[in-house]
Amino acid sequence: MLPILSGVHTAIEDADMATLLEEVESKVEQLSVNDRAQLLDMLIARSDESPLGDVESAWIDEAEARYDAYLAGRRPGVSATSVFQDAAALLNES
């Protein structure tokens, strides 16, 4: 456990939720950036629910694969001008 959080109440019954959240927020604000990142990683890892849905996860995987292919020279880049022209053309078709 991060030392700075050692004073946070362990039982929610001892305080109402709003007070407890304020106390935790105050403690978290005192953490270094690295400690906050560590805390966030721990909370996500312990969560029973995925923070992203299946669709969002699939898009992230696709974007990472496309970027890796671009960096490896297996996929050409596309200029922003070209992307916006194509998008405008598609919008005008509707």
Foldseek 3Di string as FASTA:
>chain_A
DPPLCVPQDPDCVVDPPVVSVVVVVVSLVPDDPVVNVVVVVVVCVPDPDHPDDPVVVVVVVVVVVQVVCCVVVNDPDDDPVVVVVVVVVVVVVD
